[in-house]
Protein backbone atom coordinates (compact mmCIF):
# COMPACT_ATOMS: atom_id res chain seq x y z
CA MET A 1 216.07 195.52 -37.64
CA SER A 2 215.87 193.96 -40.97
CA GLU A 3 215.53 190.21 -40.02
CA LEU A 4 214.16 188.05 -37.15
CA GLU A 5 214.50 184.35 -36.82
CA PHE A 6 212.53 181.71 -34.71
CA VAL A 7 213.02 178.12 -34.30
CA SER A 8 209.87 176.10 -33.69
CA HIS A 9 210.09 172.53 -32.26
CA GLY A 10 206.50 171.69 -32.88
CA GLU A 11 203.11 172.97 -33.99
CA SER A 12 202.41 174.79 -30.71
CA GLN A 13 205.56 176.86 -31.20
CA THR A 14 204.68 177.55 -34.93
CA GLU A 15 201.34 178.73 -33.77
CA ALA A 16 202.95 180.80 -30.99
CA VAL A 17 204.97 182.75 -33.70
CA GLY A 18 201.64 183.39 -35.50
CA ARG A 19 200.02 184.50 -32.41
CA ALA A 20 202.70 187.05 -31.70
CA ILE A 21 202.00 188.32 -35.28
CA GLY A 22 198.25 188.42 -34.63
CA LEU A 23 198.70 190.40 -31.38
CA ALA A 24 201.14 192.78 -33.02
CA GLY A 25 199.22 193.25 -36.29
CA ARG A 26 197.59 196.64 -37.16
CA ALA A 27 195.13 197.46 -40.05
CA GLY A 28 196.74 197.20 -43.50
CA ASP A 29 199.50 194.79 -42.60
CA VAL A 30 200.38 192.18 -45.16
CA VAL A 31 202.12 188.95 -44.34
CA ALA A 32 203.60 186.78 -47.01
CA LEU A 33 204.28 183.03 -46.23
CA VAL A 34 206.75 181.12 -48.13
CA GLY A 35 207.69 177.38 -47.61
CA GLU A 36 207.26 174.02 -48.90
CA LEU A 37 204.20 171.79 -48.44
CA GLY A 38 204.04 170.80 -44.76
CA ALA A 39 206.23 173.64 -43.61
CA GLY A 40 203.55 174.94 -41.22
CA LYS A 41 202.08 177.86 -43.13
CA THR A 42 198.58 177.17 -42.21
CA ARG A 43 199.44 176.32 -38.61
CA LEU A 44 201.08 179.80 -38.36
CA VAL A 45 197.85 181.35 -39.70
CA LYS A 46 195.92 179.54 -36.96
CA GLY A 47 198.19 181.36 -34.54
CA VAL A 48 197.59 184.76 -36.27
CA ALA A 49 193.90 184.12 -35.91
CA ALA A 50 194.33 183.43 -32.22
CA GLY A 51 196.31 186.57 -31.81
CA LEU A 52 193.53 188.52 -33.48
CA GLY A 53 190.95 187.05 -31.21
CA VAL A 54 189.18 185.11 -34.01
CA LYS A 55 186.36 183.05 -32.16
CA ASN A 56 185.94 180.16 -34.55
CA ARG A 57 189.72 179.19 -35.00
CA GLN A 58 188.64 175.67 -36.14
CA ASP A 59 187.40 177.36 -39.30
CA VAL A 60 190.85 178.61 -40.12
CA ARG A 61 192.03 176.05 -42.67
CA SER A 62 193.88 176.45 -46.05
CA PRO A 63 191.76 178.16 -48.47
CA THR A 64 193.32 176.04 -51.36
CA PHE A 65 190.18 175.53 -53.24
CA VAL A 66 188.20 178.70 -52.31
CA LEU A 67 191.35 180.86 -52.52
CA ILE A 68 190.31 183.51 -49.91
CA ARG A 69 188.86 183.09 -46.46
CA GLU A 70 187.72 186.04 -44.14
CA HIS A 71 187.57 185.72 -40.31
CA ALA A 72 186.38 188.25 -37.78
CA GLY A 73 188.52 189.24 -35.00
CA ARG A 74 189.96 192.48 -33.61
CA LEU A 75 190.95 193.12 -37.20
CA ARG A 76 189.51 191.24 -40.08
CA LEU A 77 191.81 188.47 -41.15
CA PHE A 78 192.03 187.80 -44.94
CA HIS A 79 193.55 184.45 -45.63
CA VAL A 80 194.74 183.99 -49.09
CA ASP A 81 196.08 180.73 -50.72
CA ALA A 82 198.03 181.47 -53.82
CA TYR A 83 199.16 177.85 -54.45
CA ARG A 84 196.84 177.40 -57.54
CA LEU A 85 197.25 180.94 -58.86
CA GLY A 86 199.23 181.40 -62.06
CA GLY A 87 200.61 184.82 -60.99
CA ALA A 88 199.86 188.46 -59.97
CA GLY A 89 197.20 188.91 -62.64
CA GLU A 90 195.11 186.09 -61.19
CA LEU A 91 195.64 187.52 -57.64
CA ASN A 92 194.46 190.74 -58.87
CA SER A 93 191.37 189.31 -60.53
CA LEU A 94 190.30 187.94 -57.24
CA GLY A 95 189.79 191.48 -56.00
CA PHE A 96 193.21 191.70 -53.99
CA GLU A 97 193.49 195.48 -54.16
CA GLU A 98 190.00 195.70 -52.62
CA ILE A 99 190.97 193.41 -49.75
CA LEU A 100 193.99 195.41 -48.96
CA SER A 101 191.80 198.50 -48.84
CA GLN A 102 189.51 197.04 -46.19
CA GLY A 103 191.90 197.65 -43.27
CA GLY A 104 192.44 194.16 -42.11
CA LEU A 105 195.41 191.84 -41.79
CA THR A 106 196.11 189.94 -44.86
CA VAL A 107 198.12 186.66 -44.89
CA VAL A 108 199.11 185.18 -48.17
CA GLU A 109 200.16 181.55 -48.28
CA TRP A 110 202.50 180.49 -51.18
CA ALA A 111 203.21 184.17 -51.69
CA ASP A 112 206.14 183.46 -53.92
CA HIS A 113 203.65 182.28 -56.61
CA VAL A 114 202.21 185.84 -56.77
CA ALA A 115 205.07 188.00 -55.38
CA ASP A 116 204.83 190.65 -58.14
CA GLY A 117 201.33 191.31 -57.12
CA LEU A 118 202.03 191.84 -53.40
CA PRO A 119 202.82 195.23 -51.74
CA VAL A 120 206.65 195.82 -51.56
CA ASP A 121 205.97 196.84 -47.87
CA ARG A 122 205.03 193.39 -46.58
CA LEU A 123 206.38 191.16 -43.82
CA THR A 124 207.74 187.97 -45.44
CA LEU A 125 208.28 184.72 -43.39
CA HIS A 126 210.17 181.87 -44.90
CA LEU A 127 209.28 178.68 -43.05
CA ALA A 128 211.91 175.81 -43.53
CA ILE A 129 211.54 172.21 -42.40
CA THR A 130 214.52 171.32 -40.39
CA GLY A 131 213.25 168.03 -38.78
CA LEU A 132 210.29 165.95 -38.18
CA ARG A 133 208.70 168.64 -36.10
CA SER A 134 211.21 171.48 -36.23
CA ARG A 135 210.98 174.48 -38.43
CA LYS A 136 213.12 177.56 -38.85
CA VAL A 137 211.04 180.75 -39.50
CA ASN A 138 212.75 183.84 -40.88
CA LEU A 139 210.94 187.13 -40.95
CA GLY A 140 211.95 190.09 -43.12
CA GLY A 141 210.54 193.39 -43.70
CA GLY A 142 210.14 195.19 -47.09
CA GLY A 143 209.40 198.67 -45.91
CA GLY A 144 208.59 200.83 -42.93
CA GLN A 145 205.24 199.43 -42.07
CA SER A 146 206.48 195.86 -42.13
CA ARG A 147 209.72 196.49 -40.36
CA ALA A 148 207.45 198.27 -37.65
CA LEU A 149 205.34 195.04 -37.50
CA MET A 150 208.59 192.99 -37.02
CA GLU A 151 209.56 194.91 -34.24
CA ARG A 152 206.15 194.60 -32.50
CA VAL A 153 206.32 190.84 -33.17
CA ARG A 154 209.80 190.78 -31.44
CA GLU A 155 208.24 192.70 -28.40
CA GLU A 156 205.31 190.34 -28.31
CA TRP A 157 207.68 187.36 -28.36
CA ALA A 158 209.77 188.72 -25.69
CA LYS A 159 206.69 188.80 -23.13
CA PRO A 160 206.78 186.04 -20.60
CA ASP A 161 203.80 184.00 -21.91
CA GLN A 162 205.60 183.40 -25.23
CA GLU A 163 208.03 180.55 -26.05
CA GLU A 164 210.62 179.75 -28.48
């Protein structure tokens, strides 16, 4: 499987896609989020946090000004916002390689701003606004680990308690 698509008809469904990623995530997974302002990137990260069992999910908000937030759950969630970064060099100056070595799940919003600094083996999600509340979410894997994550996400989504 090289691509997977979800259609979200509201914030709860966007969060459900993220929750499936959090449930399926393993140490070292990197998730890159691409989409325009308001596409649901941070909402999706809230779902990832839920899937990872982060207790204080209300603390999951866009790290636009602090750039990186860390949350404790089944795995540590590293939430990076690259909107204000000028490229891969600035991402690396934040200690991104060290973050990746810590065995958590790393999610990068605005990943297209720092694509050259991200691992090739990453799960990339393109979120597109298709209506007032609807979104199309396309997932693509760039290597063996990310394709395995995508397959686990598909399996999580197929469980009866998930919705599309």
